Amino acid sequence: MTSLADFPITQRWPATNPDAIQLYSLPTPNGIKVSAMLEETGLAYEPHLVDFGKNDQMTPEFLSLNPNNKIPAILDPHGPGGKPLGLFESGAILEYLAEKSGKFLPKDPTLKWETIGWLHFQMGGVGPMFGQLGFFTKFAGKEIEDPRPRERYVGEAKRLLAVLDTRLAGRDWIMGSEYTIADIAILPWLRALTGFYEAGELVGIDNFPAVKAWMDRGLTRPAMVKAFNIPARPV
């Protein structure tokens, strides 16, 4: 494919600025990650709302870009070799944008791979476990009488928070003084856990002071705050 028009998704969400990265998303934790990264890097982008209320994520156009029917996904008109690149999975998108912009991923190879390790800590642990906890505390899972599923995810959430709290002790950011894609990936999930899922007290968030201080620093960054509403939710 040589232009954005070759991608079926642009038929449903036309590009107003075809030279900008096209973002297909919703301001959930995974969506916020990529919106915040785009805001932080200053890369030109155009957001498009994927409305789950209308099952946009199940349309042929969206599935042509992300067969896993999840947000976010991007189309970069100026990908490798100058050719358009479609990409899904928020962790992969963060790595791609970090390399494209030269920002938020350490140049030192050792620190780079350590950062990517913490990014995968979010992808494989924090996101799935916090999401399941949310299901069993706020959504249909709360109607299940057997307490073991919720206890399982509460315990795992506490364990992950302890790992993160130990890492952040004496540090401003996960990698020390440098704000990276690891912070950008994990912060929206802590916001969801303590805010949207209303599970802060359940997991004893006050027992993790380093995490709380880190959240205060990270969730007030202007780019992160702006990302909470990108794309704007349907009225």
C-alpha atoms as a PDB file:
ATOM      1  CA  MET A   1       0.000   0.000   0.000  1.00  0.00           C
ATOM      2  CA  THR A   2       1.400   3.351  -1.014  1.00  0.00           C
ATOM      3  CA  SER A   3      -1.100   5.853   0.414  1.00  0.00           C
ATOM      4  CA  LEU A   4      -3.613   6.122   3.239  1.00  0.00           C
ATOM      5  CA  ALA A   5      -6.444   5.791   0.730  1.00  0.00           C
ATOM      6  CA  ASP A   6      -5.321   2.212   0.120  1.00  0.00           C
ATOM      7  CA  PHE A   7      -6.321   1.282   3.680  1.00  0.00           C
ATOM      8  CA  PRO A   8     -10.015   0.365   4.049  1.00  0.00           C
ATOM      9  CA  ILE A   9     -10.223   1.977   7.488  1.00  0.00           C
ATOM     10  CA  THR A  10      -9.884   5.427   5.896  1.00  0.00           C
ATOM     11  CA  GLN A  11     -13.166   4.851   4.088  1.00  0.00           C
ATOM     12  CA  ARG A  12     -15.010   4.836   7.397  1.00  0.00           C
ATOM     13  CA  TRP A  13     -12.784   7.413   9.120  1.00  0.00           C
ATOM     14  CA  PRO A  14     -11.517   9.731   6.349  1.00  0.00           C
ATOM     15  CA  ALA A  15      -8.261  11.567   6.985  1.00  0.00           C
ATOM     16  CA  THR A  16      -8.619  15.329   7.133  1.00  0.00           C
ATOM     17  CA  ASN A  17      -4.838  15.666   7.312  1.00  0.00           C
ATOM     18  CA  PRO A  18      -3.362  12.731   5.358  1.00  0.00           C
ATOM     19  CA  ASP A  19       0.189  13.745   6.324  1.00  0.00           C
ATOM     20  CA  ALA A  20      -0.534  13.183  10.030  1.00  0.00           C
ATOM     21  CA  ILE A  21      -0.552   9.930  11.968  1.00  0.00           C
ATOM     22  CA  GLN A  22      -4.121   8.644  12.069  1.00  0.00           C
ATOM     23  CA  LEU A  23      -5.168   7.465  15.542  1.00  0.00           C
ATOM     24  CA  TYR A  24      -8.185   5.198  15.974  1.00  0.00           C
ATOM     25  CA  SER A  25      -8.992   5.051  19.646  1.00  0.00           C
ATOM     26  CA  LEU A  26     -11.136   5.662  22.706  1.00  0.00           C
ATOM     27  CA  PRO A  27      -9.967   7.176  26.035  1.00  0.00           C
ATOM     28  CA  THR A  28      -9.648   3.910  27.931  1.00  0.00           C
ATOM     29  CA  PRO A  29      -6.319   3.132  29.677  1.00  0.00           C
ATOM     30  CA  ASN A  30      -4.851   1.577  26.527  1.00  0.00           C
ATOM     31  CA  GLY A  31      -6.097   4.408  24.367  1.00  0.00           C
ATOM     32  CA  ILE A  32      -4.868   7.098  26.757  1.00  0.00           C
ATOM     33  CA  LYS A  33      -1.364   5.623  26.625  1.00  0.00           C
ATOM     34  CA  VAL A  34      -0.978   6.327  22.919  1.00  0.00           C
ATOM     35  CA  SER A  35      -2.741   9.695  22.982  1.00  0.00           C
ATOM     36  CA  ALA A  36      -0.449  10.822  25.810  1.00  0.00           C
ATOM     37  CA  MET A  37       2.602   9.635  23.895  1.00  0.00           C
ATOM     38  CA  LEU A  38       1.539  11.515  20.780  1.00  0.00           C
ATOM     39  CA  GLU A  39       0.962  14.650  22.838  1.00  0.00           C
ATOM     40  CA  GLU A  40       4.332  14.300  24.588  1.00  0.00           C
ATOM     41  CA  THR A  41       6.293  13.790  21.365  1.00  0.00           C
ATOM     42  CA  GLY A  42       4.633  16.576  19.417  1.00  0.00           C
ATOM     43  CA  LEU A  43       4.158  14.322  16.405  1.00  0.00           C
ATOM     44  CA  ALA A  44       1.318  15.471  14.158  1.00  0.00           C
ATOM     45  CA  TYR A  45      -1.711  13.228  14.527  1.00  0.00           C
ATOM     46  CA  GLU A  46      -5.427  13.112  13.845  1.00  0.00           C
ATOM     47  CA  PRO A  47      -7.669  11.271  16.315  1.00  0.00           C
ATOM     48  CA  HIS A  48     -10.727   9.263  15.273  1.00  0.00           C
ATOM     49  CA  LEU A  49     -13.251   7.955  17.776  1.00  0.00           C
ATOM     50  CA  VAL A  50     -13.894   4.213  17.693  1.00  0.00           C
ATOM     51  CA  ASP A  51     -17.300   4.117  19.378  1.00  0.00           C
ATOM     52  CA  PHE A  52     -17.793   0.836  21.232  1.00  0.00           C
ATOM     53  CA  GLY A  53     -21.416   1.806  21.797  1.00  0.00           C
ATOM     54  CA  LYS A  54     -21.896   1.448  18.051  1.00  0.00           C
ATOM     55  CA  ASN A  55     -19.613  -1.602  17.766  1.00  0.00           C
ATOM     56  CA  ASP A  56     -17.217   0.350  15.551  1.00  0.00           C
ATOM     57  CA  GLN A  57     -14.455  -2.033  16.613  1.00  0.00           C
ATOM     58  CA  MET A  58     -16.263  -4.921  14.909  1.00  0.00           C
ATOM     59  CA  THR A  59     -16.690  -3.257  11.520  1.00  0.00           C
ATOM     60  CA  PRO A  60     -14.809  -4.657   8.505  1.00  0.00           C
ATOM     61  CA  GLU A  61     -12.970  -1.359   8.128  1.00  0.00           C
ATOM     62  CA  PHE A  62     -11.564  -1.411  11.656  1.00  0.00           C
ATOM     63  CA  LEU A  63     -10.800  -5.137  11.532  1.00  0.00           C
ATOM     64  CA  SER A  64      -8.809  -4.569   8.360  1.00  0.00           C
ATOM     65  CA  LEU A  65      -6.310  -2.628  10.481  1.00  0.00           C
ATOM     66  CA  ASN A  66      -6.661  -4.482  13.789  1.00  0.00           C
ATOM     67  CA  PRO A  67      -7.991  -8.045  13.438  1.00  0.00           C
ATOM     68  CA  ASN A  68      -8.050  -8.267  17.261  1.00  0.00           C
ATOM     69  CA  ASN A  69     -10.865  -5.654  17.368  1.00  0.00           C
ATOM     70  CA  LYS A  70      -9.235  -3.630  20.152  1.00  0.00           C
ATOM     71  CA  ILE A  71      -8.165  -0.014  20.430  1.00  0.00           C
ATOM     72  CA  PRO A  72      -5.884   1.757  19.805  1.00  0.00           C
ATOM     73  CA  ALA A  73      -4.523   1.412  16.300  1.00  0.00           C
ATOM     74  CA  ILE A  74      -2.609   3.860  14.129  1.00  0.00           C
ATOM     75  CA  LEU A  75      -1.809   4.536  10.506  1.00  0.00           C
ATOM     76  CA  ASP A  76       1.438   6.404   9.915  1.00  0.00           C
ATOM     77  CA  PRO A  77       1.578   7.820   6.383  1.00  0.00           C
ATOM     78  CA  HIS A  78       5.349   8.172   6.742  1.00  0.00           C
ATOM     79  CA  GLY A  79       6.387   4.796   8.091  1.00  0.00           C
ATOM     80  CA  PRO A  80       9.620   2.858   7.440  1.00  0.00           C
ATOM     81  CA  GLY A  81      11.006   3.571   3.997  1.00  0.00           C
ATOM     82  CA  GLY A  82       8.514   6.401   3.606  1.00  0.00           C
ATOM     83  CA  LYS A  83       5.638   3.973   3.130  1.00  0.00           C
ATOM     84  CA  PRO A  84       2.405   3.950   5.181  1.00  0.00           C
ATOM     85  CA  LEU A  85       2.426   1.686   8.225  1.00  0.00           C
ATOM     86  CA  GLY A  86      -0.599   0.314  10.042  1.00  0.00           C
ATOM     87  CA  LEU A  87       0.020  -0.801  13.599  1.00  0.00           C
ATOM     88  CA  PHE A  88      -2.023  -2.186  16.493  1.00  0.00           C
ATOM     89  CA  GLU A  89      -1.284  -3.199  20.123  1.00  0.00           C
ATOM     90  CA  SER A  90      -0.583  -0.217  22.375  1.00  0.00           C
ATOM     91  CA  GLY A  91       2.794  -1.477  23.581  1.00  0.00           C
ATOM     92  CA  ALA A  92       4.080  -1.885  20.031  1.00  0.00           C
ATOM     93  CA  ILE A  93       2.729   1.557  19.139  1.00  0.00           C
ATOM     94  CA  LEU A  94       4.542   3.158  22.096  1.00  0.00           C
ATOM     95  CA  GLU A  95       7.830   1.546  21.053  1.00  0.00           C
ATOM     96  CA  TYR A  96       7.312   2.640  17.461  1.00  0.00           C
ATOM     97  CA  LEU A  97       6.518   6.240  18.392  1.00  0.00           C
ATOM     98  CA  ALA A  98       9.496   6.356  20.759  1.00  0.00           C
ATOM     99  CA  GLU A  99      11.839   5.270  17.962  1.00  0.00           C
ATOM    100  CA  LYS A 100      10.211   7.566  15.421  1.00  0.00           C
ATOM    101  CA  SER A 101      10.436  10.620  17.682  1.00  0.00           C
ATOM    102  CA  GLY A 102      13.677   9.741  19.465  1.00  0.00           C
ATOM    103  CA  LYS A 103      11.947  10.450  22.777  1.00  0.00           C
ATOM    104  CA  PHE A 104      10.939   8.592  25.967  1.00  0.00           C
ATOM    105  CA  LEU A 105      13.129   5.549  25.347  1.00  0.00           C
ATOM    106  CA  PRO A 106      16.726   5.680  26.638  1.00  0.00           C
ATOM    107  CA  LYS A 107      19.486   5.674  24.038  1.00  0.00           C
ATOM    108  CA  ASP A 108      21.736   3.493  26.182  1.00  0.00           C
ATOM    109  CA  PRO A 109      21.025  -0.112  25.073  1.00  0.00           C
ATOM    110  CA  THR A 110      20.950  -1.504  28.605  1.00  0.00           C
ATOM    111  CA  LEU A 111      18.524   1.140  29.826  1.00  0.00           C
ATOM    112  CA  LYS A 112      16.472   0.824  26.653  1.00  0.00           C
ATOM    113  CA  TRP A 113      15.833  -2.876  27.191  1.00  0.00           C
ATOM    114  CA  GLU A 114      15.174  -2.356  30.884  1.00  0.00           C
ATOM    115  CA  THR A 115      12.528   0.192  29.944  1.00  0.00           C
ATOM    116  CA  ILE A 116      10.955  -2.219  27.470  1.00  0.00           C
ATOM    117  CA  GLY A 117      10.889  -4.837  30.226  1.00  0.00           C
ATOM    118  CA  TRP A 118       8.804  -2.512  32.389  1.00  0.00           C
ATOM    119  CA  LEU A 119       6.579  -1.764  29.400  1.00  0.00           C
ATOM    120  CA  HIS A 120       5.902  -5.497  29.109  1.00  0.00           C
ATOM    121  CA  PHE A 121       5.268  -5.600  32.861  1.00  0.00           C
ATOM    122  CA  GLN A 122       2.273  -3.423  32.078  1.00  0.00           C
ATOM    123  CA  MET A 123       1.223  -5.347  28.997  1.00  0.00           C
ATOM    124  CA  GLY A 124       1.424  -8.786  30.600  1.00  0.00           C
ATOM    125  CA  GLY A 125       0.570  -7.961  34.204  1.00  0.00           C
ATOM    126  CA  VAL A 126      -0.869  -4.591  35.174  1.00  0.00           C
ATOM    127  CA  GLY A 127      -3.305  -4.242  32.259  1.00  0.00           C
ATOM    128  CA  PRO A 128      -4.811  -7.732  32.280  1.00  0.00           C
ATOM    129  CA  MET A 129      -4.960  -8.060  36.065  1.00  0.00           C
ATOM    130  CA  PHE A 130      -6.350  -4.586  36.768  1.00  0.00           C
ATOM    131  CA  GLY A 131      -8.843  -5.064  33.956  1.00  0.00           C
ATOM    132  CA  GLN A 132     -10.089  -8.336  35.433  1.00  0.00           C
ATOM    133  CA  LEU A 133     -10.303  -6.733  38.859  1.00  0.00           C
ATOM    134  CA  GLY A 134     -12.446  -4.016  37.322  1.00  0.00           C
ATOM    135  CA  PHE A 135     -14.727  -6.653  35.812  1.00  0.00           C
ATOM    136  CA  PHE A 136     -15.259  -8.328  39.190  1.00  0.00           C
ATOM    137  CA  THR A 137     -15.755  -5.085  41.125  1.00  0.00           C
ATOM    138  CA  LYS A 138     -17.673  -2.780  38.770  1.00  0.00           C
ATOM    139  CA  PHE A 139     -19.134  -4.818  35.934  1.00  0.00           C
ATOM    140  CA  ALA A 140     -21.045  -8.083  35.513  1.00  0.00           C
ATOM    141  CA  GLY A 141     -18.486 -10.086  37.478  1.00  0.00           C
ATOM    142  CA  LYS A 142     -19.614  -8.473  40.725  1.00  0.00           C
ATOM    143  CA  GLU A 143     -22.816 -10.528  40.493  1.00  0.00           C
ATOM    144  CA  ILE A 144     -20.887 -13.793  40.809  1.00  0.00           C
ATOM    145  CA  GLU A 145     -21.402 -15.119  44.323  1.00  0.00           C
ATOM    146  CA  ASP A 146     -18.220 -17.181  44.472  1.00  0.00           C
ATOM    147  CA  PRO A 147     -15.653 -14.792  46.066  1.00  0.00           C
ATOM    148  CA  ARG A 148     -12.601 -16.601  44.715  1.00  0.00           C
ATOM    149  CA  PRO A 149     -12.355 -14.897  41.300  1.00  0.00           C
ATOM    150  CA  ARG A 150     -12.379 -11.410  42.800  1.00  0.00           C
ATOM    151  CA  GLU A 151     -10.000 -12.447  45.581  1.00  0.00           C
ATOM    152  CA  ARG A 152      -7.639 -13.791  42.949  1.00  0.00           C
ATOM    153  CA  TYR A 153      -7.448 -10.464  41.114  1.00  0.00           C
ATOM    154  CA  VAL A 154      -7.363  -8.347  44.279  1.00  0.00           C
ATOM    155  CA  GLY A 155      -4.378 -10.369  45.467  1.00  0.00           C
ATOM    156  CA  GLU A 156      -2.626 -10.120  42.130  1.00  0.00           C
ATOM    157  CA  ALA A 157      -3.272  -6.362  41.932  1.00  0.00           C
ATOM    158  CA  LYS A 158      -1.712  -5.928  45.382  1.00  0.00           C
ATOM    159  CA  ARG A 159       1.302  -7.992  44.348  1.00  0.00           C
ATOM    160  CA  LEU A 160       1.837  -5.903  41.219  1.00  0.00           C
ATOM    161  CA  LEU A 161       1.489  -2.685  43.195  1.00  0.00           C
ATOM    162  CA  ALA A 162       4.109  -3.930  45.646  1.00  0.00           C
ATOM    163  CA  VAL A 163       6.497  -4.644  42.755  1.00  0.00           C
ATOM    164  CA  LEU A 164       5.911  -1.164  41.386  1.00  0.00           C
ATOM    165  CA  ASP A 165       6.205   0.501  44.795  1.00  0.00           C
ATOM    166  CA  THR A 166       9.561  -1.168  45.413  1.00  0.00           C
ATOM    167  CA  ARG A 167      10.799  -0.058  42.018  1.00  0.00           C
ATOM    168  CA  LEU A 168       9.676   3.553  42.546  1.00  0.00           C
ATOM    169  CA  ALA A 169      11.099   3.962  46.040  1.00  0.00           C
ATOM    170  CA  GLY A 170      13.574   6.837  45.793  1.00  0.00           C
ATOM    171  CA  ARG A 171      12.812   7.395  42.108  1.00  0.00           C
ATOM    172  CA  ASP A 172      10.762  10.047  40.344  1.00  0.00           C
ATOM    173  CA  TRP A 173       9.996   7.722  37.442  1.00  0.00           C
ATOM    174  CA  ILE A 174      10.289   4.023  36.729  1.00  0.00           C
ATOM    175  CA  MET A 175      13.686   4.526  35.095  1.00  0.00           C
ATOM    176  CA  GLY A 176      14.848   7.062  37.662  1.00  0.00           C
ATOM    177  CA  SER A 177      15.058  10.686  36.528  1.00  0.00           C
ATOM    178  CA  GLU A 178      13.903   9.982  32.969  1.00  0.00           C
ATOM    179  CA  TYR A 179      10.202   9.812  32.080  1.00  0.00           C
ATOM    180  CA  THR A 180       9.717   6.990  29.577  1.00  0.00           C
ATOM    181  CA  ILE A 181       7.176   4.884  27.749  1.00  0.00           C
ATOM    182  CA  ALA A 182       7.096   2.629  30.822  1.00  0.00           C
ATOM    183  CA  ASP A 183       5.527   5.441  32.854  1.00  0.00           C
ATOM    184  CA  ILE A 184       3.220   6.410  30.003  1.00  0.00           C
ATOM    185  CA  ALA A 185       2.003   2.813  29.725  1.00  0.00           C
ATOM    186  CA  ILE A 186       1.328   2.166  33.412  1.00  0.00           C
ATOM    187  CA  LEU A 187      -0.028   5.483  34.686  1.00  0.00           C
ATOM    188  CA  PRO A 188      -3.438   5.303  32.920  1.00  0.00           C
ATOM    189  CA  TRP A 189      -4.050   1.878  34.454  1.00  0.00           C
ATOM    190  CA  LEU A 190      -3.432   3.211  37.965  1.00  0.00           C
ATOM    191  CA  ARG A 191      -5.860   6.024  37.216  1.00  0.00           C
ATOM    192  CA  ALA A 192      -8.467   3.468  36.110  1.00  0.00           C
ATOM    193  CA  LEU A 193      -7.858   1.254  39.141  1.00  0.00           C
ATOM    194  CA  THR A 194      -8.310   4.025  41.692  1.00  0.00           C
ATOM    195  CA  GLY A 195     -10.810   6.102  39.731  1.00  0.00           C
ATOM    196  CA  PHE A 196     -13.050   4.397  37.205  1.00  0.00           C
ATOM    197  CA  TYR A 197     -12.940   0.970  38.874  1.00  0.00           C
ATOM    198  CA  GLU A 198     -13.209   2.557  42.349  1.00  0.00           C
ATOM    199  CA  ALA A 199     -10.873  -0.130  43.702  1.00  0.00           C
ATOM    200  CA  GLY A 200      -8.242   1.987  45.442  1.00  0.00           C
ATOM    201  CA  GLU A 201      -9.433   1.150  48.932  1.00  0.00           C
ATOM    202  CA  LEU A 202      -9.969  -2.496  47.994  1.00  0.00           C
ATOM    203  CA  VAL A 203      -6.303  -2.934  47.015  1.00  0.00           C
ATOM    204  CA  GLY A 204      -5.009  -0.719  49.833  1.00  0.00           C
ATOM    205  CA  ILE A 205      -3.495   1.939  47.602  1.00  0.00           C
ATOM    206  CA  ASP A 206      -2.454   3.952  50.677  1.00  0.00           C
ATOM    207  CA  ASN A 207      -0.025   1.153  51.506  1.00  0.00           C
ATOM    208  CA  PHE A 208       2.005   2.052  48.400  1.00  0.00           C
ATOM    209  CA  PRO A 209       3.307   5.601  49.027  1.00  0.00           C
ATOM    210  CA  ALA A 210       5.875   5.573  46.230  1.00  0.00           C
ATOM    211  CA  VAL A 211       3.178   4.602  43.736  1.00  0.00           C
ATOM    212  CA  LYS A 212       0.875   7.350  44.992  1.00  0.00           C
ATOM    213  CA  ALA A 213       3.589  10.006  44.721  1.00  0.00           C
ATOM    214  CA  TRP A 214       4.442   8.811  41.210  1.00  0.00           C
ATOM    215  CA  MET A 215       0.777   9.004  40.229  1.00  0.00           C
ATOM    216  CA  ASP A 216       0.606  12.575  41.513  1.00  0.00           C
ATOM    217  CA  ARG A 217       3.568  13.494  39.326  1.00  0.00           C
ATOM    218  CA  GLY A 218       2.561  11.609  36.215  1.00  0.00           C
ATOM    219  CA  LEU A 219      -1.186  12.046  36.047  1.00  0.00           C
ATOM    220  CA  THR A 220      -0.854  15.841  36.222  1.00  0.00           C
ATOM    221  CA  ARG A 221       1.485  16.144  33.250  1.00  0.00           C
ATOM    222  CA  PRO A 222      -0.291  18.354  30.687  1.00  0.00           C
ATOM    223  CA  ALA A 223      -0.021  15.769  27.905  1.00  0.00           C
ATOM    224  CA  MET A 224      -1.493  13.053  30.120  1.00  0.00           C
ATOM    225  CA  VAL A 225      -4.346  15.272  31.303  1.00  0.00           C
ATOM    226  CA  LYS A 226      -5.187  16.187  27.710  1.00  0.00           C
ATOM    227  CA  ALA A 227      -5.075  12.527  26.691  1.00  0.00           C
ATOM    228  CA  PHE A 228      -7.873  11.673  29.123  1.00  0.00           C
ATOM    229  CA  ASN A 229     -10.289  13.124  26.546  1.00  0.00           C
ATOM    230  CA  ILE A 230      -8.664  12.078  23.248  1.00  0.00           C
ATOM    231  CA  PRO A 231     -10.598  11.267  21.178  1.00  0.00           C
ATOM    232  CA  ALA A 232     -13.572  13.040  22.705  1.00  0.00           C
ATOM    233  CA  ARG A 233     -16.164  10.563  23.906  1.00  0.00           C
ATOM    234  CA  PRO A 234     -19.596  10.611  22.266  1.00  0.00           C
ATOM    235  CA  VAL A 235     -22.070  12.967  23.919  1.00  0.00           C
END
